Amino acid sequence: PLGMVSFTRSGRVLQVNQAVEKILEKPLNDLDNLAGLSIYKELMSAHAHRDRTYVLPNGDKKILQINSTDVFSPLVNENITIALIEDLTDLRKLEES
């Protein structure tokens, strides 16, 4: 599944889909602010297409492909980030075998 999240510079989530909940293994109601998550800096700096490693709270690692862009949102009257997140962990494991 392809996760999509839009958020302000301060990390306040404006929109998030259920795929993000599955990928990050966090309930949607815990995703109202991304600033406290280790992936926040990755989402903010993923303007180039790159694979990133995300460590889950239980210590497991996921390989994520993150693409993001900044756009101006008249709804909040500031620039926001829109990020697409895809879990590539299983694909990378298959490629290695």
C-alpha atoms as a PDB file:
ATOM      1  CA  PRO A   1       0.000   0.000   0.000  1.00  0.00           C
ATOM      2  CA  LEU A   2       1.036   3.568  -0.653  1.00  0.00           C
ATOM      3  CA  GLY A   3       0.911   5.831   2.383  1.00  0.00           C
ATOM      4  CA  MET A   4       0.163   9.530   2.068  1.00  0.00           C
ATOM      5  CA  VAL A   5       0.482  12.165   4.740  1.00  0.00           C
ATOM      6  CA  SER A   6       0.355  15.947   4.623  1.00  0.00           C
ATOM      7  CA  PHE A   7       1.684  17.997   7.515  1.00  0.00           C
ATOM      8  CA  THR A   8       2.835  21.452   8.558  1.00  0.00           C
ATOM      9  CA  ARG A   9       6.444  22.425   9.303  1.00  0.00           C
ATOM     10  CA  SER A  10       5.728  21.923  13.000  1.00  0.00           C
ATOM     11  CA  GLY A  11       4.663  18.322  12.297  1.00  0.00           C
ATOM     12  CA  ARG A  12       0.903  18.791  12.719  1.00  0.00           C
ATOM     13  CA  VAL A  13      -0.823  16.245  10.488  1.00  0.00           C
ATOM     14  CA  LEU A  14      -3.470  17.620   8.161  1.00  0.00           C
ATOM     15  CA  GLN A  15      -4.335  14.407   6.325  1.00  0.00           C
ATOM     16  CA  VAL A  16      -3.143  10.832   6.609  1.00  0.00           C
ATOM     17  CA  ASN A  17      -4.366   7.596   5.074  1.00  0.00           C
ATOM     18  CA  GLN A  18      -4.650   4.157   6.655  1.00  0.00           C
ATOM     19  CA  ALA A  19      -1.643   2.841   4.733  1.00  0.00           C
ATOM     20  CA  VAL A  20       0.594   5.101   6.865  1.00  0.00           C
ATOM     21  CA  GLU A  21      -0.887   3.497   9.977  1.00  0.00           C
ATOM     22  CA  LYS A  22       0.037   0.053   8.640  1.00  0.00           C
ATOM     23  CA  ILE A  23       3.508   1.058   7.423  1.00  0.00           C
ATOM     24  CA  LEU A  24       4.539   2.850  10.639  1.00  0.00           C
ATOM     25  CA  GLU A  25       2.606   0.409  12.846  1.00  0.00           C
ATOM     26  CA  LYS A  26       1.015   3.296  14.737  1.00  0.00           C
ATOM     27  CA  PRO A  27      -2.720   3.902  15.179  1.00  0.00           C
ATOM     28  CA  LEU A  28      -4.094   6.848  13.213  1.00  0.00           C
ATOM     29  CA  ASN A  29      -5.096   8.654  16.410  1.00  0.00           C
ATOM     30  CA  ASP A  30      -1.395   8.615  17.437  1.00  0.00           C
ATOM     31  CA  LEU A  31      -0.456  10.304  14.162  1.00  0.00           C
ATOM     32  CA  ASP A  32      -1.846  13.770  14.865  1.00  0.00           C
ATOM     33  CA  ASN A  33       1.680  15.188  15.170  1.00  0.00           C
ATOM     34  CA  LEU A  34       4.751  13.688  13.513  1.00  0.00           C
ATOM     35  CA  ALA A  35       7.355  15.849  15.279  1.00  0.00           C
ATOM     36  CA  GLY A  36       7.825  13.256  18.025  1.00  0.00           C
ATOM     37  CA  LEU A  37       8.462  10.381  15.612  1.00  0.00           C
ATOM     38  CA  SER A  38      11.909   9.371  14.408  1.00  0.00           C
ATOM     39  CA  ILE A  39      10.653   9.406  10.813  1.00  0.00           C
ATOM     40  CA  TYR A  40       9.753  13.117  10.969  1.00  0.00           C
ATOM     41  CA  LYS A  41      13.181  14.364   9.852  1.00  0.00           C
ATOM     42  CA  GLU A  42      13.226  11.759   7.078  1.00  0.00           C
ATOM     43  CA  LEU A  43       9.858  12.964   5.808  1.00  0.00           C
ATOM     44  CA  MET A  44      11.016  16.585   5.897  1.00  0.00           C
ATOM     45  CA  SER A  45      14.200  15.859   3.936  1.00  0.00           C
ATOM     46  CA  ALA A  46      12.956  13.285   1.426  1.00  0.00           C
ATOM     47  CA  HIS A  47      12.578  15.633  -1.510  1.00  0.00           C
ATOM     48  CA  ALA A  48      14.784  13.302  -3.513  1.00  0.00           C
ATOM     49  CA  HIS A  49      13.645   9.782  -4.297  1.00  0.00           C
ATOM     50  CA  ARG A  50      15.544   7.581  -1.786  1.00  0.00           C
ATOM     51  CA  ASP A  51      15.154   4.473   0.289  1.00  0.00           C
ATOM     52  CA  ARG A  52      15.281   5.091   4.026  1.00  0.00           C
ATOM     53  CA  THR A  53      15.516   2.732   6.986  1.00  0.00           C
ATOM     54  CA  TYR A  54      12.884   3.235   9.672  1.00  0.00           C
ATOM     55  CA  VAL A  55      13.268   1.565  13.054  1.00  0.00           C
ATOM     56  CA  LEU A  56       9.966   0.613  14.652  1.00  0.00           C
ATOM     57  CA  PRO A  57       9.474   1.076  18.404  1.00  0.00           C
ATOM     58  CA  ASN A  58       9.960  -2.704  18.844  1.00  0.00           C
ATOM     59  CA  GLY A  59      13.381  -2.518  17.147  1.00  0.00           C
ATOM     60  CA  ASP A  60      12.349  -4.051  13.817  1.00  0.00           C
ATOM     61  CA  LYS A  61      13.547  -2.215  10.721  1.00  0.00           C
ATOM     62  CA  LYS A  62      11.614  -1.333   7.597  1.00  0.00           C
ATOM     63  CA  ILE A  63      12.995  -0.096   4.304  1.00  0.00           C
ATOM     64  CA  LEU A  64      10.804   2.743   3.121  1.00  0.00           C
ATOM     65  CA  GLN A  65      10.751   4.682  -0.097  1.00  0.00           C
ATOM     66  CA  ILE A  66       9.797   8.256   0.742  1.00  0.00           C
ATOM     67  CA  ASN A  67       9.025  11.036  -1.705  1.00  0.00           C
ATOM     68  CA  SER A  68       7.883  14.425  -0.519  1.00  0.00           C
ATOM     69  CA  THR A  69       7.304  17.908  -1.765  1.00  0.00           C
ATOM     70  CA  ASP A  70       6.405  21.256  -0.240  1.00  0.00           C
ATOM     71  CA  VAL A  71       3.363  23.177  -1.425  1.00  0.00           C
ATOM     72  CA  PHE A  72       1.563  26.256  -0.202  1.00  0.00           C
ATOM     73  CA  SER A  73      -1.766  25.473   1.453  1.00  0.00           C
ATOM     74  CA  PRO A  74      -4.307  28.285   1.566  1.00  0.00           C
ATOM     75  CA  LEU A  75      -6.206  26.259   4.196  1.00  0.00           C
ATOM     76  CA  VAL A  76      -3.489  26.828   6.786  1.00  0.00           C
ATOM     77  CA  ASN A  77      -1.848  29.805   5.039  1.00  0.00           C
ATOM     78  CA  GLU A  78       1.628  28.258   5.053  1.00  0.00           C
ATOM     79  CA  ASN A  79       3.809  25.763   3.232  1.00  0.00           C
ATOM     80  CA  ILE A  80       3.039  22.134   4.003  1.00  0.00           C
ATOM     81  CA  THR A  81       4.772  18.896   3.105  1.00  0.00           C
ATOM     82  CA  ILE A  82       3.024  16.104   1.238  1.00  0.00           C
ATOM     83  CA  ALA A  83       4.817  12.784   1.563  1.00  0.00           C
ATOM     84  CA  LEU A  84       4.268   9.419  -0.109  1.00  0.00           C
ATOM     85  CA  ILE A  85       5.581   6.396   1.793  1.00  0.00           C
ATOM     86  CA  GLU A  86       5.936   2.858   0.480  1.00  0.00           C
ATOM     87  CA  ASP A  87       7.222  -0.145   2.435  1.00  0.00           C
ATOM     88  CA  LEU A  88       9.871  -1.906   0.319  1.00  0.00           C
ATOM     89  CA  THR A  89      11.127  -4.271   3.025  1.00  0.00           C
ATOM     90  CA  ASP A  90       9.734  -7.483   1.515  1.00  0.00           C
ATOM     91  CA  LEU A  91      10.842  -6.509  -1.998  1.00  0.00           C
ATOM     92  CA  ARG A  92      14.409  -5.767  -0.844  1.00  0.00           C
ATOM     93  CA  LYS A  93      14.562  -9.095   1.055  1.00  0.00           C
ATOM     94  CA  LEU A  94      13.385 -10.910  -2.090  1.00  0.00           C
ATOM     95  CA  GLU A  95      16.001  -9.123  -4.192  1.00  0.00           C
ATOM     96  CA  GLU A  96      18.739 -10.195  -1.761  1.00  0.00           C
ATOM     97  CA  SER A  97      17.802 -13.885  -1.877  1.00  0.00           C
END
